[in-house]
Amino acid sequence: MKKTLNIQGMHCDACISLIKMELEEVGIAQDSVSIRVDSLNSRGVLTLADIEETQLEKAVERINSLGSYQVL
């Protein structure tokens, strides 16, 4: 399943790198992740290709645990 998440608090390339690294730690491959950042609104749009529901839950939990970001 393909899923798109909006993330509050993202504003630069370092944010993208951190989110990708955290997703890789929970078993989500880099090549299945696409992230766009709207720096003016401090939001990111994360698209995950071929993700299972359990992986999605882990991804949301991990992103929210970082403190600076919140999945909307």
Protein backbone atom coordinates (compact mmCIF):
# COMPACT_ATOMS: atom_id res chain seq x y z
CA MET A 1 0.00 0.00 0.00
CA LYS A 2 1.19 3.53 -0.74
CA LYS A 3 0.73 6.07 2.05
CA THR A 4 1.29 9.83 2.32
CA LEU A 5 1.90 11.57 5.65
CA ASN A 6 2.13 15.27 6.49
CA ILE A 7 4.81 16.10 9.03
CA GLN A 8 4.91 19.35 11.00
CA GLY A 9 8.33 20.74 11.95
CA MET A 10 10.36 19.92 8.82
CA HIS A 11 12.21 22.81 7.20
CA CYS A 12 15.48 21.70 5.56
CA ASP A 13 17.53 18.91 3.98
CA ALA A 14 18.87 17.88 7.39
CA CYS A 15 15.28 17.16 8.45
CA ILE A 16 14.86 14.93 5.40
CA SER A 17 18.08 13.05 6.18
CA LEU A 18 17.08 12.52 9.82
CA ILE A 19 13.61 11.23 8.95
CA LYS A 20 15.03 8.85 6.31
CA MET A 21 17.63 7.56 8.76
CA GLU A 22 14.99 6.96 11.44
CA LEU A 23 12.72 5.15 8.98
CA GLU A 24 15.60 2.93 7.91
CA GLU A 25 16.13 2.02 11.59
CA VAL A 26 12.57 0.62 11.73
CA GLY A 27 13.10 -1.39 8.54
CA ILE A 28 11.74 0.93 5.86
CA ALA A 29 14.04 0.94 2.82
CA GLN A 30 15.36 4.30 1.58
CA ASP A 31 14.23 3.59 -1.98
CA SER A 32 10.59 3.38 -0.83
CA VAL A 33 10.69 6.84 0.81
CA SER A 34 10.05 10.20 -0.85
CA ILE A 35 10.03 13.47 1.13
CA ARG A 36 9.25 17.03 0.05
CA VAL A 37 9.73 19.99 2.38
CA ASP A 38 7.82 23.27 2.41
CA SER A 39 10.27 25.40 4.39
CA LEU A 40 7.95 28.42 4.54
CA ASN A 41 5.33 26.42 6.46
CA SER A 42 7.75 24.06 8.25
CA ARG A 43 6.00 21.01 6.84
CA GLY A 44 7.08 17.92 5.03
CA VAL A 45 5.16 15.50 2.87
CA LEU A 46 6.36 11.92 3.26
CA THR A 47 5.31 9.31 0.71
CA LEU A 48 5.94 5.66 1.51
CA ALA A 49 5.63 3.08 -1.25
CA ASP A 50 4.77 -0.56 -0.58
CA ILE A 51 4.37 -0.20 3.17
CA GLU A 52 2.49 -2.55 5.46
CA GLU A 53 0.21 -1.23 8.21
CA THR A 54 2.57 -2.37 10.98
CA GLN A 55 5.49 -0.58 9.33
CA LEU A 56 3.37 2.55 8.96
CA GLU A 57 2.53 2.51 12.67
CA LYS A 58 6.23 2.13 13.54
CA ALA A 59 7.13 4.99 11.19
CA VAL A 60 4.58 7.36 12.74
CA GLU A 61 5.64 6.40 16.25
CA ARG A 62 9.34 6.91 15.45
CA ILE A 63 8.81 10.30 13.78
CA ASN A 64 6.64 11.57 16.64
CA SER A 65 9.20 10.35 19.21
CA LEU A 66 11.84 12.69 17.77
CA GLY A 67 10.17 15.61 19.54
CA SER A 68 10.68 18.24 16.85
CA TYR A 69 8.28 16.62 14.39
CA GLN A 70 4.64 15.61 14.48
CA VAL A 71 2.76 13.48 11.97
CA LEU A 72 -0.51 15.29 11.27
